[in-house]
Amino acid sequence: MYIAGWGHTPFGKLDDSLENLIVRAAREALAGAGLDPGDVDAIFLGQFNSGIHPLGFPSSLALQISDDLFGRPATRVENACASGSAAVHQGVASLLAGTARTVLVIGAEKMSDAPADVVGAGLLGADYESAGSTSATGFAGLFAEVAKTYSERYGDCSDTLASIAAKSHHNALANPYAHLRRDFDEEFCRTVSARNPMVADPLRRTDCSPVSDGAAALVLTTATAAPVRFLGLAHANDFLPAPKRDPLAFAATTLAWQRALELAGVTHADLSLVELHDCFTIAELNLYEALGIAERGQGARVLAEGRLHRDGDLPVNPSGGLKSKGHPVAATGVSQHVLAAMQLTGTAGEMQVPDATIAAVHNTGGLAVANYASVLTGQ
């Protein structure tokens, strides 16, 4: 299965409506693929929403791209913060089943218009224990507990989280789509201040991805002349109740990742870059280990060696990741695939990783509950 074209709006607090974001990204993707809207056989639209936006039935907004899409099947896909990758995987499944030859996949979210308490409550709808409740810290509070557990097992990780934040901010400077294009250094990121307050101890503002608007789109196809090819992809879910999950294991994440690499016939040594789900810096640190990039408890060492920076041997989030690129929830997974495709076609501009040939994408929903991995290569 192949990617023929892609589109991406800026991420941030945008004036655009949800409809306009969807239309902008999708039209760009179709133009990039050299296709007309009438060439599309099916549409999958990722949107988490969870009450953040008043429209909970956006699938047919994609038909606003063109009247030529009348009658096309359009389906909203939701799997928390992995809704974008869920839509991508549904699109690939449609191609594999033979029910479509050209699929339009869109991930979109409009979040910034909602009050902070509505956004927080909506995101907590992805947590078994917290759904329906109010919380001053929201998902940051849940990942703060992950950070505390990590520090208890392996030693204080606060400075490492600051290093991850600084890396992400530096990378985002090269990303024209990024929400936070601010070069905060490690000292700023580790210091609690009026500009960098504690959100949920030990997570500071620089440890947290922002609330963003945005959309991204892909044209998936069976046409072998397309520029990017899927080598492997996998999806694995964990149990939803927290007591059934070790907070650091991210066991289903590991399973999805291993399955995708096995299907692709590659190892970490073959990867040119990874775009992974760093909703919080502690998520990135723990994912170094859950994905096998580092041994358990050794993520800080691998980071300090420079291996995971954009000029290292396995750049992680050269886009700036969710942390700095932004996290319009359902747009994230599609965006990760778009940025990977750009890297593999040498069109990533200042973000470009030299000689990128194989890229991996990791996207998760909830606290490592719904997990997706893709491995892509350029043609």
Protein backbone atom coordinates (compact mmCIF):
# COMPACT_ATOMS: atom_id res chain seq x y z
CA MET A 1 0.00 0.00 0.00
CA TYR A 2 1.23 3.49 -0.86
CA ILE A 3 0.96 7.20 -0.04
CA ALA A 4 0.38 9.29 -3.14
CA GLY A 5 -0.02 12.76 -1.65
CA TRP A 6 -0.32 14.71 1.58
CA GLY A 7 -1.45 17.99 3.06
CA HIS A 8 -0.87 19.77 6.36
CA THR A 9 -2.19 22.98 7.89
CA PRO A 10 -0.24 24.93 10.48
CA PHE A 11 -0.89 23.78 14.05
CA GLY A 12 -1.77 26.32 16.73
CA LYS A 13 -4.59 28.58 17.84
CA LEU A 14 -6.14 29.18 14.44
CA ASP A 15 -9.02 31.27 13.15
CA ASP A 16 -10.09 28.50 10.77
CA SER A 17 -13.22 26.47 11.44
CA LEU A 18 -13.06 22.68 11.67
CA GLU A 19 -14.59 22.55 8.20
CA ASN A 20 -11.97 24.85 6.70
CA LEU A 21 -9.13 22.88 8.29
CA ILE A 22 -10.46 19.65 6.81
CA VAL A 23 -10.93 21.15 3.35
CA ARG A 24 -7.52 22.87 3.30
CA ALA A 25 -5.52 19.78 4.23
CA ALA A 26 -7.48 17.45 1.96
CA ARG A 27 -7.31 19.67 -1.11
CA GLU A 28 -3.57 19.97 -0.66
CA ALA A 29 -3.23 16.20 -0.39
CA LEU A 30 -5.28 15.59 -3.54
CA ALA A 31 -3.32 18.21 -5.46
CA GLY A 32 -0.07 16.63 -4.32
CA ALA A 33 -1.26 13.26 -5.56
CA GLY A 34 -2.31 14.76 -8.90
CA LEU A 35 -5.87 13.53 -8.40
CA ASP A 36 -9.32 15.02 -8.65
CA PRO A 37 -11.83 14.62 -5.79
CA GLY A 38 -13.88 12.35 -8.02
CA ASP A 39 -11.01 9.84 -8.03
CA VAL A 40 -11.54 9.13 -4.30
CA ASP A 41 -13.34 5.88 -3.47
CA ALA A 42 -13.64 6.28 0.31
CA ILE A 43 -12.94 8.79 3.07
CA PHE A 44 -11.84 8.18 6.65
CA LEU A 45 -11.88 11.19 8.97
CA GLY A 46 -10.15 10.96 12.34
CA GLN A 47 -11.62 13.16 15.08
CA PHE A 48 -11.53 12.53 18.83
CA ASN A 49 -13.53 15.58 19.98
CA SER A 50 -15.08 14.02 23.15
CA GLY A 51 -17.30 17.06 23.61
CA ILE A 52 -14.57 19.64 22.95
CA HIS A 53 -16.24 20.75 19.71
CA PRO A 54 -20.03 20.96 19.36
CA LEU A 55 -20.11 19.01 16.09
CA GLY A 56 -19.71 15.34 16.88
CA PHE A 57 -20.62 14.11 13.40
CA PRO A 58 -18.07 15.60 10.99
CA SER A 59 -17.56 12.81 8.46
CA SER A 60 -19.47 14.51 5.63
CA LEU A 61 -17.53 17.75 6.11
CA ALA A 62 -14.99 16.13 3.81
CA LEU A 63 -17.56 16.36 1.01
CA GLN A 64 -17.20 20.15 1.23
CA ILE A 65 -13.95 19.67 -0.69
CA SER A 66 -15.97 19.17 -3.86
CA ASP A 67 -19.48 18.29 -4.98
CA ASP A 68 -17.83 15.45 -6.90
CA LEU A 69 -17.53 13.60 -3.58
CA PHE A 70 -21.29 13.24 -3.25
CA GLY A 71 -22.18 9.64 -2.49
CA ARG A 72 -18.70 8.61 -1.40
CA PRO A 73 -18.62 6.61 1.85
CA ALA A 74 -17.17 8.81 4.60
CA THR A 75 -16.55 7.46 8.09
CA ARG A 76 -15.49 9.18 11.28
CA VAL A 77 -12.82 7.17 13.12
CA GLU A 78 -12.09 7.64 16.83
CA ASN A 79 -9.56 6.03 19.15
CA ALA A 80 -8.61 8.83 21.56
CA CYS A 81 -5.28 10.49 20.77
CA ALA A 82 -4.56 7.76 18.21
CA SER A 83 -7.65 8.65 16.15
CA GLY A 84 -5.47 9.89 13.29
CA SER A 85 -3.50 6.67 12.95
CA ALA A 86 -6.71 4.71 13.42
CA ALA A 87 -8.05 6.49 10.32
CA VAL A 88 -4.84 5.73 8.43
CA HIS A 89 -5.04 2.06 9.34
CA GLN A 90 -8.72 1.89 8.35
CA GLY A 91 -7.79 3.41 5.01
CA VAL A 92 -5.08 0.81 4.46
CA ALA A 93 -7.52 -1.95 5.47
CA SER A 94 -9.97 -0.71 2.86
CA LEU A 95 -7.29 -0.91 0.20
CA LEU A 96 -6.22 -4.38 1.30
CA ALA A 97 -9.84 -5.57 1.27
CA GLY A 98 -10.23 -4.37 -2.30
CA THR A 99 -13.19 -2.12 -1.52
CA ALA A 100 -11.24 0.94 -2.64
CA ARG A 101 -8.25 1.80 -4.77
CA THR A 102 -7.90 5.43 -3.66
CA VAL A 103 -8.65 6.54 -0.10
CA LEU A 104 -8.60 10.00 1.42
CA VAL A 105 -7.58 10.06 5.10
CA ILE A 106 -7.95 13.22 7.17
CA GLY A 107 -7.20 13.95 10.80
CA ALA A 108 -8.58 17.18 12.21
CA GLU A 109 -9.34 18.85 15.51
CA LYS A 110 -10.56 22.28 16.56
CA MET A 111 -9.74 22.69 20.25
CA SER A 112 -8.75 26.26 21.06
CA ASP A 113 -12.29 27.68 21.03
CA ALA A 114 -13.29 25.56 24.03
CA PRO A 115 -12.65 26.69 27.64
CA ALA A 116 -9.76 24.97 29.39
CA ASP A 117 -12.07 23.01 31.68
CA VAL A 118 -14.04 21.65 28.70
CA VAL A 119 -10.82 20.59 26.94
CA GLY A 120 -9.56 18.96 30.13
CA ALA A 121 -12.79 17.07 30.73
CA GLY A 122 -12.90 15.98 27.10
CA LEU A 123 -9.38 14.58 27.19
CA LEU A 124 -10.07 12.81 30.48
CA GLY A 125 -12.82 10.96 28.63
CA ALA A 126 -9.98 8.73 27.42
CA ASP A 127 -9.17 7.56 30.97
CA TYR A 128 -11.14 4.78 32.64
CA GLU A 129 -10.85 6.12 36.17
CA SER A 130 -11.16 9.86 35.41
CA ALA A 131 -13.83 9.96 32.70
CA GLY A 132 -16.71 12.21 33.71
CA SER A 133 -14.77 13.86 36.52
CA THR A 134 -13.13 17.25 36.85
CA SER A 135 -9.41 17.70 37.35
CA ALA A 136 -7.17 20.74 37.66
CA THR A 137 -4.32 18.91 35.95
CA GLY A 138 -6.11 16.60 33.49
CA PHE A 139 -3.93 14.17 31.56
CA ALA A 140 -0.83 16.01 32.79
CA GLY A 141 -1.69 14.67 36.24
CA LEU A 142 -1.84 11.12 34.91
CA PHE A 143 1.53 11.39 33.16
CA ALA A 144 2.99 13.11 36.24
CA GLU A 145 2.35 9.83 38.06
CA VAL A 146 4.26 8.03 35.29
CA ALA A 147 7.17 10.43 35.85
CA LYS A 148 7.09 9.82 39.60
CA THR A 149 7.11 6.06 39.09
CA TYR A 150 9.99 6.38 36.63
CA SER A 151 12.02 8.41 39.13
CA GLU A 152 11.30 5.90 41.89
CA ARG A 153 12.61 3.01 39.75
CA TYR A 154 15.49 4.60 37.91
CA GLY A 155 16.37 7.88 39.64
CA ASP A 156 15.19 11.45 39.23
CA CYS A 157 14.32 12.13 35.60
CA SER A 158 13.47 15.84 35.84
CA ASP A 159 16.63 17.07 34.11
CA THR A 160 16.25 14.46 31.37
CA LEU A 161 12.71 15.68 30.72
CA ALA A 162 14.10 19.20 30.36
CA SER A 163 16.64 17.93 27.83
CA ILE A 164 13.86 16.27 25.83
CA ALA A 165 11.81 19.48 25.90
CA ALA A 166 14.77 21.55 24.72
CA LYS A 167 15.44 19.08 21.88
CA SER A 168 11.82 19.27 20.78
CA HIS A 169 11.72 23.06 20.86
CA HIS A 170 14.96 23.27 18.88
CA ASN A 171 13.66 20.86 16.23
CA ALA A 172 10.37 22.72 15.90
CA LEU A 173 12.20 25.88 14.81
CA ALA A 174 12.70 24.15 11.45
CA ASN A 175 9.05 23.10 11.16
CA PRO A 176 6.82 25.69 9.45
CA TYR A 177 3.71 23.88 10.73
CA ALA A 178 4.72 23.92 14.41
CA HIS A 179 2.62 25.55 17.12
CA LEU A 180 5.56 26.41 19.39
CA ARG A 181 8.53 27.70 17.42
CA ARG A 182 10.47 28.90 20.45
CA ASP A 183 14.05 27.87 21.16
CA PHE A 184 13.90 27.23 24.90
CA ASP A 185 17.20 25.85 26.20
CA GLU A 186 17.64 23.17 28.85
CA GLU A 187 18.10 25.70 31.64
CA PHE A 188 14.78 27.37 30.85
CA CYS A 189 13.02 24.00 30.54
CA ARG A 190 14.32 22.70 33.88
CA THR A 191 13.59 25.89 35.83
CA VAL A 192 10.16 26.49 37.30
CA SER A 193 9.24 30.13 36.69
CA ALA A 194 6.35 32.42 35.86
CA ARG A 195 6.92 31.59 32.19
CA ASN A 196 7.38 27.89 32.89
CA PRO A 197 5.13 27.04 35.83
CA MET A 198 4.64 23.61 37.36
CA VAL A 199 1.55 22.04 35.79
CA ALA A 200 1.50 18.74 37.65
CA ASP A 201 4.58 17.98 39.72
CA PRO A 202 7.13 17.12 38.32
CA LEU A 203 5.83 18.20 34.89
CA ARG A 204 6.38 21.82 33.96
CA ARG A 205 4.66 23.65 31.14
CA THR A 206 7.60 22.83 28.86
CA ASP A 207 6.96 19.14 29.55
CA CYS A 208 3.43 19.34 28.11
CA SER A 209 2.14 19.49 24.55
CA PRO A 210 -0.12 22.49 23.84
CA VAL A 211 -3.82 22.57 23.01
CA SER A 212 -3.85 23.06 19.25
CA ASP A 213 -6.04 23.32 16.18
CA GLY A 214 -5.02 21.75 12.90
CA ALA A 215 -5.50 19.14 10.22
CA ALA A 216 -3.44 16.80 8.08
CA ALA A 217 -4.41 14.55 5.18
CA LEU A 218 -3.10 11.65 3.12
CA VAL A 219 -4.09 10.06 -0.17
CA LEU A 220 -3.60 6.31 0.10
CA THR A 221 -3.52 4.20 -3.02
CA THR A 222 -2.81 0.81 -4.52
CA ALA A 223 -0.91 2.50 -7.37
CA THR A 224 2.69 1.34 -7.19
CA ALA A 225 4.03 4.55 -8.73
CA ALA A 226 3.25 6.51 -5.56
CA PRO A 227 6.32 7.95 -3.79
CA VAL A 228 5.97 6.34 -0.35
CA ARG A 229 5.24 2.73 0.56
CA PHE A 230 4.04 1.05 3.74
CA LEU A 231 6.45 -1.69 4.76
CA GLY A 232 4.53 -2.72 7.87
CA LEU A 233 1.90 -1.52 10.28
CA ALA A 234 0.33 -2.84 13.46
CA HIS A 235 -2.24 -1.94 16.11
CA ALA A 236 -2.46 -3.28 19.66
CA ASN A 237 -4.71 -2.30 22.56
CA ASP A 238 -4.01 -2.65 26.26
CA PHE A 239 -6.52 -2.99 29.10
CA LEU A 240 -8.29 0.24 30.01
CA PRO A 241 -8.37 0.03 33.87
CA ALA A 242 -5.07 1.36 35.23
CA PRO A 243 -4.58 -1.47 37.79
CA LYS A 244 -4.27 -3.94 34.89
CA ARG A 245 -1.29 -2.03 33.41
CA ASP A 246 2.22 -1.42 34.71
CA PRO A 247 2.54 2.38 34.33
CA LEU A 248 5.96 2.10 32.69
CA ALA A 249 5.56 -1.10 30.68
CA PHE A 250 3.57 0.41 27.79
CA ALA A 251 3.17 -3.26 26.93
CA ALA A 252 0.76 -2.90 24.00
CA THR A 253 2.93 -0.13 22.57
CA THR A 254 5.86 -2.52 22.58
CA LEU A 255 3.72 -5.20 20.95
CA ALA A 256 2.46 -2.95 18.14
CA TRP A 257 5.99 -1.64 17.51
CA GLN A 258 7.55 -5.09 17.38
CA ARG A 259 4.82 -6.39 15.07
CA ALA A 260 5.24 -3.46 12.67
CA LEU A 261 9.02 -3.82 12.50
CA GLU A 262 8.72 -7.59 12.04
CA LEU A 263 6.22 -7.18 9.20
CA ALA A 264 8.50 -4.61 7.60
CA GLY A 265 11.51 -6.89 8.00
CA VAL A 266 13.59 -4.15 9.63
CA THR A 267 15.34 -3.42 12.92
CA HIS A 268 16.16 -0.17 14.71
CA ALA A 269 19.45 -0.08 12.84
CA ASP A 270 17.57 0.27 9.56
CA LEU A 271 15.50 3.27 10.65
CA SER A 272 16.43 6.77 9.51
CA LEU A 273 14.08 8.51 11.95
CA VAL A 274 11.15 8.01 14.31
CA GLU A 275 8.12 10.23 14.86
CA LEU A 276 6.71 9.14 18.22
CA HIS A 277 3.88 10.22 20.51
CA ASP A 278 5.45 12.66 22.98
CA CYS A 279 2.28 14.18 24.44
CA PHE A 280 4.44 14.77 27.52
CA THR A 281 8.22 14.58 27.81
CA ILE A 282 7.92 11.61 30.18
CA ALA A 283 6.05 9.78 27.42
CA GLU A 284 9.01 10.29 25.08
CA LEU A 285 11.52 9.16 27.71
CA ASN A 286 9.56 6.04 28.53
CA LEU A 287 8.99 5.31 24.83
CA TYR A 288 12.74 5.24 24.20
CA GLU A 289 12.69 2.16 26.40
CA ALA A 290 9.32 0.65 25.51
CA LEU A 291 10.26 0.78 21.82
CA GLY A 292 13.65 -0.80 22.47
CA ILE A 293 15.67 2.25 21.44
CA ALA A 294 17.25 2.12 24.90
CA GLU A 295 17.38 -0.47 27.67
CA ARG A 296 15.01 0.02 30.59
CA GLY A 297 16.25 2.86 32.76
CA GLN A 298 18.82 3.92 30.13
CA GLY A 299 16.84 6.43 28.10
CA ALA A 300 18.70 9.38 29.62
CA ARG A 301 22.05 7.92 28.60
CA VAL A 302 21.02 7.38 24.97
CA LEU A 303 19.65 10.91 24.80
CA ALA A 304 22.79 12.40 26.34
CA GLU A 305 24.93 10.60 23.77
CA GLY A 306 23.20 12.65 21.06
CA ARG A 307 21.91 9.62 19.18
CA LEU A 308 18.31 10.87 19.20
CA HIS A 309 18.96 14.43 18.05
CA ARG A 310 18.35 15.46 14.46
CA ASP A 311 22.04 14.94 13.62
CA GLY A 312 22.24 11.63 15.53
CA ASP A 313 22.04 8.10 14.18
CA LEU A 314 18.31 7.75 15.03
CA PRO A 315 16.62 11.17 15.14
CA VAL A 316 13.46 11.16 17.25
CA ASN A 317 10.80 13.73 16.39
CA PRO A 318 12.79 15.92 14.00
CA SER A 319 9.46 17.74 13.51
CA GLY A 320 9.42 18.88 17.14
CA GLY A 321 6.88 16.19 18.01
CA LEU A 322 3.59 16.77 19.76
CA LYS A 323 5.48 18.67 22.45
CA SER A 324 6.34 21.57 20.14
CA LYS A 325 4.66 20.90 16.80
CA GLY A 326 1.35 20.79 18.68
CA HIS A 327 -1.28 18.18 19.42
CA PRO A 328 -4.64 18.71 17.72
CA VAL A 329 -5.61 15.27 18.91
CA ALA A 330 -6.88 13.40 15.84
CA ALA A 331 -4.64 15.34 13.46
CA THR A 332 -1.54 14.00 15.23
CA GLY A 333 -1.36 10.49 13.79
CA VAL A 334 -1.99 11.69 10.23
CA SER A 335 0.53 14.50 10.71
CA GLN A 336 3.18 12.01 11.82
CA HIS A 337 2.67 10.04 8.59
CA VAL A 338 2.80 13.25 6.54
CA LEU A 339 6.06 14.37 8.15
CA ALA A 340 7.55 10.90 7.65
CA ALA A 341 6.52 10.93 3.98
CA MET A 342 8.14 14.33 3.53
CA GLN A 343 11.37 13.04 5.05
CA LEU A 344 11.37 10.01 2.76
CA THR A 345 10.85 12.13 -0.36
CA GLY A 346 13.44 14.74 0.54
CA THR A 347 10.81 17.46 0.81
CA ALA A 348 11.05 18.20 4.55
CA GLY A 349 12.94 21.46 4.05
CA GLU A 350 14.95 22.56 7.09
CA MET A 351 13.61 19.54 9.01
CA GLN A 352 15.22 17.15 6.54
CA VAL A 353 17.17 14.21 7.93
CA PRO A 354 19.94 13.48 5.39
CA ASP A 355 19.51 10.35 3.28
CA ALA A 356 16.28 9.26 5.01
CA THR A 357 15.16 5.92 3.60
CA ILE A 358 12.99 4.25 6.28
CA ALA A 359 10.83 6.02 8.86
CA ALA A 360 8.74 4.68 11.72
CA VAL A 361 5.64 6.30 13.23
CA HIS A 362 4.25 5.63 16.70
CA ASN A 363 0.90 7.03 17.88
CA THR A 364 -0.95 6.17 21.08
CA GLY A 365 -4.37 6.85 22.56
CA GLY A 366 -4.92 7.28 26.29
CA LEU A 367 -2.08 6.29 28.56
CA ALA A 368 -0.55 3.80 26.09
CA VAL A 369 -3.89 2.01 25.65
CA ALA A 370 -4.55 2.21 21.88
CA ASN A 371 -1.24 1.85 20.08
CA TYR A 372 -0.37 2.14 16.38
CA ALA A 373 2.91 1.75 14.54
CA SER A 374 3.78 2.18 10.88
CA VAL A 375 7.00 1.66 8.96
CA LEU A 376 7.37 3.61 5.70
CA THR A 377 9.95 3.82 2.94
CA GLY A 378 10.51 5.99 -0.07
CA GLN A 379 10.21 4.50 -3.53
